Amino acid sequence: MLYRNALLKISGEILSGDSSKTFDADIINQLTHDIKAVLEEKIKLSIVIGGGNIIRGINYSEYNLNKNDADNMGMLSTVINGIYLKNALKNVNVKSKIFSAISIPGIVDKFNHESAINEINTGSTLILVGGTGNPYFTTDTTSVLRALELGCDVILKGTKVDGVYDKDPEYNDNIKKFTKLHYNYIIENKLNIMDMSSITLAQDSGLPIIVFSIKKKNQLKNVLLGSGDCTIISNK
């Protein structure tokens, strides 16, 4: 087995699927069953989830909001998504535990790495919300921070496409897909995969990032077992 302790990063937009709804039942059903399949392989799994299906702090000017307030609203959106995901996982008999970077007593527990490790060691899937708890930091950065705190050996970036291409596959023909990339290539070419602070932190820590399509059934498990369609970003 390639990986035993993984962190999955998904955007809030993924929860919308191809619909205009906040939550799409079909993609949620697929996602929860894919997560369950990973756990059946005895792989520890933590999930950092974004809030973009509700509001994205980066779009603060569109909403005529102060940047700090918009980011705070974005962090709260991730909490809503985390609670939804917890219930969806419960429906397929997956035990999960939510930890938030921001304190919301009576709703979710504040993140503590020792408590989180205890939970994951007893079989819980961790749902990590609230970003870093600070404005101006994305959930990409949260993903790397939490992966390091939890001793994860890989970050999985679940997206709408099955890896990293030299050009945006949605708008371009004659595209080339990379199966492996060095962190230096990402940085030098300013590829918009994750924000640069998260990329450099992962590089400095020697933590690989795998980009794959979360929308393809069973790809989460296949990637972790080394047989999925993806791009691996590392120092090698």
C-alpha atoms as a PDB file:
ATOM      1  CA  MET A   1       0.000   0.000   0.000  1.00  0.00           C
ATOM      2  CA  LEU A   2       1.413   3.374  -1.029  1.00  0.00           C
ATOM      3  CA  TYR A   3      -0.250   5.546   1.624  1.00  0.00           C
ATOM      4  CA  ARG A   4      -1.672   4.839   5.063  1.00  0.00           C
ATOM      5  CA  ASN A   5      -2.602   8.280   6.369  1.00  0.00           C
ATOM      6  CA  ALA A   6      -4.063  10.661   3.809  1.00  0.00           C
ATOM      7  CA  LEU A   7      -5.622  14.107   3.829  1.00  0.00           C
ATOM      8  CA  LEU A   8      -8.263  14.853   1.214  1.00  0.00           C
ATOM      9  CA  LYS A   9      -8.823  18.477   0.179  1.00  0.00           C
ATOM     10  CA  ILE A  10     -12.058  19.233  -1.655  1.00  0.00           C
ATOM     11  CA  SER A  11     -13.578  22.556  -2.582  1.00  0.00           C
ATOM     12  CA  GLY A  12     -17.061  23.537  -1.547  1.00  0.00           C
ATOM     13  CA  GLU A  13     -17.977  23.784  -5.225  1.00  0.00           C
ATOM     14  CA  ILE A  14     -17.520  20.027  -5.558  1.00  0.00           C
ATOM     15  CA  LEU A  15     -20.520  19.541  -3.270  1.00  0.00           C
ATOM     16  CA  SER A  16     -22.669  21.378  -5.811  1.00  0.00           C
ATOM     17  CA  GLY A  17     -21.826  18.882  -8.536  1.00  0.00           C
ATOM     18  CA  ASP A  18     -22.988  20.107 -11.926  1.00  0.00           C
ATOM     19  CA  SER A  19     -26.094  21.736 -10.510  1.00  0.00           C
ATOM     20  CA  SER A  20     -26.863  25.226  -9.286  1.00  0.00           C
ATOM     21  CA  LYS A  21     -27.822  23.859  -5.881  1.00  0.00           C
ATOM     22  CA  THR A  22     -25.750  24.290  -2.744  1.00  0.00           C
ATOM     23  CA  PHE A  23     -25.616  20.514  -2.344  1.00  0.00           C
ATOM     24  CA  ASP A  24     -26.036  17.897  -5.056  1.00  0.00           C
ATOM     25  CA  ALA A  25     -27.292  14.532  -3.789  1.00  0.00           C
ATOM     26  CA  ASP A  26     -25.629  12.488  -6.551  1.00  0.00           C
ATOM     27  CA  ILE A  27     -22.087  13.771  -5.967  1.00  0.00           C
ATOM     28  CA  ILE A  28     -22.500  13.559  -2.198  1.00  0.00           C
ATOM     29  CA  ASN A  29     -23.672   9.952  -2.486  1.00  0.00           C
ATOM     30  CA  GLN A  30     -20.682   9.065  -4.659  1.00  0.00           C
ATOM     31  CA  LEU A  31     -18.263  10.907  -2.396  1.00  0.00           C
ATOM     32  CA  THR A  32     -19.447   9.209   0.791  1.00  0.00           C
ATOM     33  CA  HIS A  33     -19.288   5.742  -0.754  1.00  0.00           C
ATOM     34  CA  ASP A  34     -15.805   6.473  -2.121  1.00  0.00           C
ATOM     35  CA  ILE A  35     -14.695   7.566   1.346  1.00  0.00           C
ATOM     36  CA  LYS A  36     -16.140   4.396   2.845  1.00  0.00           C
ATOM     37  CA  ALA A  37     -14.224   2.299   0.298  1.00  0.00           C
ATOM     38  CA  VAL A  38     -10.964   3.956   1.375  1.00  0.00           C
ATOM     39  CA  LEU A  39     -11.636   3.261   5.039  1.00  0.00           C
ATOM     40  CA  GLU A  40     -12.288  -0.392   4.227  1.00  0.00           C
ATOM     41  CA  GLU A  41      -8.675  -0.502   3.005  1.00  0.00           C
ATOM     42  CA  LYS A  42      -7.606   0.505   6.550  1.00  0.00           C
ATOM     43  CA  ILE A  43      -6.346   3.890   5.346  1.00  0.00           C
ATOM     44  CA  LYS A  44      -6.696   6.787   7.776  1.00  0.00           C
ATOM     45  CA  LEU A  45      -8.471   9.725   6.206  1.00  0.00           C
ATOM     46  CA  SER A  46      -8.887  13.394   7.116  1.00  0.00           C
ATOM     47  CA  ILE A  47     -10.879  15.846   5.014  1.00  0.00           C
ATOM     48  CA  VAL A  48     -10.445  19.598   4.634  1.00  0.00           C
ATOM     49  CA  ILE A  49     -13.436  21.131   2.928  1.00  0.00           C
ATOM     50  CA  GLY A  50     -13.916  24.558   1.388  1.00  0.00           C
ATOM     51  CA  GLY A  51     -17.000  26.765   1.446  1.00  0.00           C
ATOM     52  CA  GLY A  52     -17.219  28.023  -2.122  1.00  0.00           C
ATOM     53  CA  ASN A  53     -20.641  26.544  -2.787  1.00  0.00           C
ATOM     54  CA  ILE A  54     -21.940  29.067  -0.238  1.00  0.00           C
ATOM     55  CA  ILE A  55     -19.486  31.977  -0.343  1.00  0.00           C
ATOM     56  CA  ARG A  56     -15.812  32.454  -1.205  1.00  0.00           C
ATOM     57  CA  GLY A  57     -13.894  35.095   0.691  1.00  0.00           C
ATOM     58  CA  ILE A  58     -11.694  35.720  -2.328  1.00  0.00           C
ATOM     59  CA  ASN A  59     -14.728  37.209  -4.097  1.00  0.00           C
ATOM     60  CA  TYR A  60     -15.272  39.828  -1.395  1.00  0.00           C
ATOM     61  CA  SER A  61     -15.407  42.747  -3.844  1.00  0.00           C
ATOM     62  CA  GLU A  62     -18.284  41.125  -5.736  1.00  0.00           C
ATOM     63  CA  TYR A  63     -20.332  41.125  -2.543  1.00  0.00           C
ATOM     64  CA  ASN A  64     -19.260  44.652  -1.543  1.00  0.00           C
ATOM     65  CA  LEU A  65     -17.763  43.199   1.643  1.00  0.00           C
ATOM     66  CA  ASN A  66     -14.731  43.945   3.763  1.00  0.00           C
ATOM     67  CA  LYS A  67     -12.052  41.315   3.068  1.00  0.00           C
ATOM     68  CA  ASN A  68     -11.863  40.213   6.716  1.00  0.00           C
ATOM     69  CA  ASP A  69     -15.621  39.805   6.955  1.00  0.00           C
ATOM     70  CA  ALA A  70     -15.805  37.929   3.658  1.00  0.00           C
ATOM     71  CA  ASP A  71     -13.086  35.504   4.784  1.00  0.00           C
ATOM     72  CA  ASN A  72     -14.876  34.987   8.098  1.00  0.00           C
ATOM     73  CA  MET A  73     -18.070  34.226   6.192  1.00  0.00           C
ATOM     74  CA  GLY A  74     -16.119  31.784   4.038  1.00  0.00           C
ATOM     75  CA  MET A  75     -14.784  30.010   7.116  1.00  0.00           C
ATOM     76  CA  LEU A  76     -18.294  29.714   8.531  1.00  0.00           C
ATOM     77  CA  SER A  77     -19.421  28.264   5.197  1.00  0.00           C
ATOM     78  CA  THR A  78     -16.917  25.436   5.608  1.00  0.00           C
ATOM     79  CA  VAL A  79     -18.521  24.625   8.961  1.00  0.00           C
ATOM     80  CA  ILE A  80     -21.924  24.297   7.288  1.00  0.00           C
ATOM     81  CA  ASN A  81     -20.401  21.993   4.665  1.00  0.00           C
ATOM     82  CA  GLY A  82     -18.660  19.952   7.338  1.00  0.00           C
ATOM     83  CA  ILE A  83     -21.892  19.374   9.243  1.00  0.00           C
ATOM     84  CA  TYR A  84     -23.609  18.342   6.013  1.00  0.00           C
ATOM     85  CA  LEU A  85     -20.783  15.923   5.172  1.00  0.00           C
ATOM     86  CA  LYS A  86     -20.847  14.449   8.676  1.00  0.00           C
ATOM     87  CA  ASN A  87     -24.530  13.598   8.264  1.00  0.00           C
ATOM     88  CA  ALA A  88     -23.986  12.206   4.770  1.00  0.00           C
ATOM     89  CA  LEU A  89     -21.222   9.922   6.086  1.00  0.00           C
ATOM     90  CA  LYS A  90     -23.433   8.792   8.954  1.00  0.00           C
ATOM     91  CA  ASN A  91     -26.011   7.678   6.391  1.00  0.00           C
ATOM     92  CA  VAL A  92     -23.476   5.174   4.973  1.00  0.00           C
ATOM     93  CA  ASN A  93     -22.314   4.077   8.440  1.00  0.00           C
ATOM     94  CA  VAL A  94     -19.040   5.992   8.459  1.00  0.00           C
ATOM     95  CA  LYS A  95     -17.985   7.378  11.819  1.00  0.00           C
ATOM     96  CA  SER A  96     -16.681  10.938  11.603  1.00  0.00           C
ATOM     97  CA  LYS A  97     -15.627  13.792  13.851  1.00  0.00           C
ATOM     98  CA  ILE A  98     -15.645  17.509  13.039  1.00  0.00           C
ATOM     99  CA  PHE A  99     -12.935  19.822  14.305  1.00  0.00           C
ATOM    100  CA  SER A 100     -13.019  23.548  13.622  1.00  0.00           C
ATOM    101  CA  ALA A 101     -10.211  26.095  13.653  1.00  0.00           C
ATOM    102  CA  ILE A 102     -12.726  28.614  14.993  1.00  0.00           C
ATOM    103  CA  SER A 103     -14.465  28.056  18.294  1.00  0.00           C
ATOM    104  CA  ILE A 104     -18.223  27.430  17.980  1.00  0.00           C
ATOM    105  CA  PRO A 105     -19.251  25.909  21.329  1.00  0.00           C
ATOM    106  CA  GLY A 106     -22.270  23.639  21.162  1.00  0.00           C
ATOM    107  CA  ILE A 107     -21.897  23.082  17.415  1.00  0.00           C
ATOM    108  CA  VAL A 108     -18.360  21.856  16.661  1.00  0.00           C
ATOM    109  CA  ASP A 109     -15.249  21.220  18.751  1.00  0.00           C
ATOM    110  CA  LYS A 110     -12.180  23.416  18.327  1.00  0.00           C
ATOM    111  CA  PHE A 111      -9.265  21.724  16.602  1.00  0.00           C
ATOM    112  CA  ASN A 112      -6.630  20.215  18.853  1.00  0.00           C
ATOM    113  CA  HIS A 113      -4.087  17.994  17.175  1.00  0.00           C
ATOM    114  CA  GLU A 114      -3.828  15.510  20.060  1.00  0.00           C
ATOM    115  CA  SER A 115      -7.611  15.061  20.227  1.00  0.00           C
ATOM    116  CA  ALA A 116      -7.747  14.791  16.442  1.00  0.00           C
ATOM    117  CA  ILE A 117      -5.052  12.092  16.386  1.00  0.00           C
ATOM    118  CA  ASN A 118      -6.890  10.163  19.113  1.00  0.00           C
ATOM    119  CA  GLU A 119     -10.082  10.297  17.050  1.00  0.00           C
ATOM    120  CA  ILE A 120      -8.439   9.117  13.851  1.00  0.00           C
ATOM    121  CA  ASN A 121      -6.664   6.310  15.711  1.00  0.00           C
ATOM    122  CA  THR A 122     -10.028   5.032  16.926  1.00  0.00           C
ATOM    123  CA  GLY A 123     -11.408   4.828  13.407  1.00  0.00           C
ATOM    124  CA  SER A 124     -13.037   8.211  12.872  1.00  0.00           C
ATOM    125  CA  THR A 125     -12.792  10.114   9.629  1.00  0.00           C
ATOM    126  CA  LEU A 126     -11.822  13.679  10.463  1.00  0.00           C
ATOM    127  CA  ILE A 127     -13.701  16.592   8.930  1.00  0.00           C
ATOM    128  CA  LEU A 128     -11.609  19.732   9.357  1.00  0.00           C
ATOM    129  CA  VAL A 129     -13.412  23.057   8.956  1.00  0.00           C
ATOM    130  CA  GLY A 130     -12.971  26.745   9.672  1.00  0.00           C
ATOM    131  CA  GLY A 131      -9.858  27.103   7.541  1.00  0.00           C
ATOM    132  CA  THR A 132      -6.846  28.143   9.615  1.00  0.00           C
ATOM    133  CA  GLY A 133      -9.104  30.334  11.742  1.00  0.00           C
ATOM    134  CA  ASN A 134      -7.578  33.470  10.239  1.00  0.00           C
ATOM    135  CA  PRO A 135      -8.526  35.654   7.271  1.00  0.00           C
ATOM    136  CA  TYR A 136      -6.158  35.864   4.286  1.00  0.00           C
ATOM    137  CA  PHE A 137      -5.335  32.139   4.445  1.00  0.00           C
ATOM    138  CA  THR A 138      -6.976  29.643   2.114  1.00  0.00           C
ATOM    139  CA  THR A 139      -8.137  26.099   2.758  1.00  0.00           C
ATOM    140  CA  ASP A 140      -5.165  25.017   0.607  1.00  0.00           C
ATOM    141  CA  THR A 141      -2.872  26.273   3.352  1.00  0.00           C
ATOM    142  CA  THR A 142      -5.130  24.644   5.929  1.00  0.00           C
ATOM    143  CA  SER A 143      -4.699  21.318   4.129  1.00  0.00           C
ATOM    144  CA  VAL A 144      -0.919  21.353   4.361  1.00  0.00           C
ATOM    145  CA  LEU A 145      -0.911  22.561   7.969  1.00  0.00           C
ATOM    146  CA  ARG A 146      -3.361  19.883   9.099  1.00  0.00           C
ATOM    147  CA  ALA A 147      -1.589  17.164   7.119  1.00  0.00           C
ATOM    148  CA  LEU A 148       1.654  17.996   8.900  1.00  0.00           C
ATOM    149  CA  GLU A 149      -0.012  18.161  12.310  1.00  0.00           C
ATOM    150  CA  LEU A 150      -1.681  14.793  11.774  1.00  0.00           C
ATOM    151  CA  GLY A 151       1.382  13.046  10.350  1.00  0.00           C
ATOM    152  CA  CYS A 152      -0.214  12.430   6.955  1.00  0.00           C
ATOM    153  CA  ASP A 153       1.951  10.976   4.212  1.00  0.00           C
ATOM    154  CA  VAL A 154       0.059  12.522   1.276  1.00  0.00           C
ATOM    155  CA  ILE A 155      -2.393  15.282   0.361  1.00  0.00           C
ATOM    156  CA  LEU A 156      -5.098  14.449  -2.162  1.00  0.00           C
ATOM    157  CA  LYS A 157      -6.430  17.432  -4.091  1.00  0.00           C
ATOM    158  CA  GLY A 158      -9.843  16.325  -5.334  1.00  0.00           C
ATOM    159  CA  THR A 159     -10.866  18.435  -8.335  1.00  0.00           C
ATOM    160  CA  LYS A 160     -13.089  18.335 -11.423  1.00  0.00           C
ATOM    161  CA  VAL A 161     -10.206  17.190 -13.653  1.00  0.00           C
ATOM    162  CA  ASP A 162      -8.007  14.096 -13.482  1.00  0.00           C
ATOM    163  CA  GLY A 163      -4.670  15.818 -12.987  1.00  0.00           C
ATOM    164  CA  VAL A 164      -2.497  18.756 -13.994  1.00  0.00           C
ATOM    165  CA  TYR A 165      -2.291  19.869 -17.621  1.00  0.00           C
ATOM    166  CA  ASP A 166      -0.031  22.321 -19.423  1.00  0.00           C
ATOM    167  CA  LYS A 167      -3.168  24.310 -20.367  1.00  0.00           C
ATOM    168  CA  ASP A 168      -6.653  24.512 -18.942  1.00  0.00           C
ATOM    169  CA  PRO A 169      -8.433  21.438 -20.407  1.00  0.00           C
ATOM    170  CA  GLU A 170     -11.792  23.183 -20.182  1.00  0.00           C
ATOM    171  CA  TYR A 171     -10.816  25.882 -22.672  1.00  0.00           C
ATOM    172  CA  ASN A 172      -7.978  24.431 -24.743  1.00  0.00           C
ATOM    173  CA  ASP A 173      -7.283  21.659 -27.268  1.00  0.00           C
ATOM    174  CA  ASN A 174      -3.945  19.892 -27.821  1.00  0.00           C
ATOM    175  CA  ILE A 175      -3.295  19.666 -24.110  1.00  0.00           C
ATOM    176  CA  LYS A 176      -0.644  17.643 -22.321  1.00  0.00           C
ATOM    177  CA  LYS A 177      -1.275  15.910 -19.023  1.00  0.00           C
ATOM    178  CA  PHE A 178       1.540  15.509 -16.511  1.00  0.00           C
ATOM    179  CA  THR A 179       1.753  12.272 -14.546  1.00  0.00           C
ATOM    180  CA  LYS A 180       4.527  13.591 -12.292  1.00  0.00           C
ATOM    181  CA  LEU A 181       5.734  17.111 -11.520  1.00  0.00           C
ATOM    182  CA  HIS A 182       8.458  18.564  -9.330  1.00  0.00           C
ATOM    183  CA  TYR A 183       7.455  21.320  -6.942  1.00  0.00           C
ATOM    184  CA  ASN A 184       9.974  23.633  -8.585  1.00  0.00           C
ATOM    185  CA  TYR A 185       8.092  23.376 -11.891  1.00  0.00           C
ATOM    186  CA  ILE A 186       4.838  24.389 -10.190  1.00  0.00           C
ATOM    187  CA  ILE A 187       6.486  27.386  -8.559  1.00  0.00           C
ATOM    188  CA  GLU A 188       8.558  28.549 -11.541  1.00  0.00           C
ATOM    189  CA  ASN A 189       5.573  28.341 -13.915  1.00  0.00           C
ATOM    190  CA  LYS A 190       3.098  29.707 -11.359  1.00  0.00           C
ATOM    191  CA  LEU A 191       0.630  26.906 -12.004  1.00  0.00           C
ATOM    192  CA  ASN A 192      -2.679  27.606 -10.317  1.00  0.00           C
ATOM    193  CA  ILE A 193      -3.118  24.291  -8.524  1.00  0.00           C
ATOM    194  CA  MET A 194      -3.011  25.449  -4.919  1.00  0.00           C
ATOM    195  CA  ASP A 195      -1.945  28.776  -3.497  1.00  0.00           C
ATOM    196  CA  MET A 196       1.815  29.277  -3.491  1.00  0.00           C
ATOM    197  CA  SER A 197       2.181  29.457   0.290  1.00  0.00           C
ATOM    198  CA  SER A 198       0.717  25.961   0.568  1.00  0.00           C
ATOM    199  CA  ILE A 199       2.870  24.680  -2.291  1.00  0.00           C
ATOM    200  CA  THR A 200       6.108  25.970  -0.761  1.00  0.00           C
ATOM    201  CA  LEU A 201       5.166  24.616   2.678  1.00  0.00           C
ATOM    202  CA  ALA A 202       4.474  21.179   1.205  1.00  0.00           C
ATOM    203  CA  GLN A 203       7.745  21.322  -0.726  1.00  0.00           C
ATOM    204  CA  ASP A 204       9.748  22.289   2.350  1.00  0.00           C
ATOM    205  CA  SER A 205       8.121  19.442   4.290  1.00  0.00           C
ATOM    206  CA  GLY A 206       8.595  16.843   1.554  1.00  0.00           C
ATOM    207  CA  LEU A 207       4.857  16.164   1.484  1.00  0.00           C
ATOM    208  CA  PRO A 208       3.522  14.937  -1.891  1.00  0.00           C
ATOM    209  CA  ILE A 209       0.312  16.292  -3.389  1.00  0.00           C
ATOM    210  CA  ILE A 210      -1.801  14.180  -5.736  1.00  0.00           C
ATOM    211  CA  VAL A 211      -4.255  15.947  -8.038  1.00  0.00           C
ATOM    212  CA  PHE A 212      -7.120  13.770  -9.290  1.00  0.00           C
ATOM    213  CA  SER A 213     -10.798  13.895 -10.235  1.00  0.00           C
ATOM    214  CA  ILE A 214     -13.005  13.448  -7.198  1.00  0.00           C
ATOM    215  CA  LYS A 215     -15.972  13.239  -9.586  1.00  0.00           C
ATOM    216  CA  LYS A 216     -14.853   9.872 -10.994  1.00  0.00           C
ATOM    217  CA  LYS A 217     -16.223   6.956  -9.030  1.00  0.00           C
ATOM    218  CA  ASN A 218     -13.620   4.948  -7.056  1.00  0.00           C
ATOM    219  CA  GLN A 219     -10.749   7.260  -8.049  1.00  0.00           C
ATOM    220  CA  LEU A 220     -10.094   8.196  -4.424  1.00  0.00           C
ATOM    221  CA  LYS A 221      -9.304   4.598  -3.511  1.00  0.00           C
ATOM    222  CA  ASN A 222      -7.544   3.862  -6.793  1.00  0.00           C
ATOM    223  CA  VAL A 223      -5.198   6.828  -6.393  1.00  0.00           C
ATOM    224  CA  LEU A 224      -4.299   5.817  -2.859  1.00  0.00           C
ATOM    225  CA  LEU A 225      -3.574   2.279  -4.045  1.00  0.00           C
ATOM    226  CA  GLY A 226      -1.434   3.556  -6.915  1.00  0.00           C
ATOM    227  CA  SER A 227      -3.688   2.751  -9.878  1.00  0.00           C
ATOM    228  CA  GLY A 228      -5.750   5.907 -10.443  1.00  0.00           C
ATOM    229  CA  ASP A 229      -5.534   8.668 -13.044  1.00  0.00           C
ATOM    230  CA  CYS A 230      -3.722  11.573 -11.426  1.00  0.00           C
ATOM    231  CA  THR A 231      -0.710  13.870 -11.270  1.00  0.00           C
ATOM    232  CA  ILE A 232       1.787  13.435  -8.437  1.00  0.00           C
ATOM    233  CA  ILE A 233       3.610  16.555  -7.277  1.00  0.00           C
ATOM    234  CA  SER A 234       6.695  15.977  -5.157  1.00  0.00           C
ATOM    235  CA  ASN A 235      10.381  16.763  -4.720  1.00  0.00           C
ATOM    236  CA  LYS A 236      11.387  13.684  -6.709  1.00  0.00           C
END
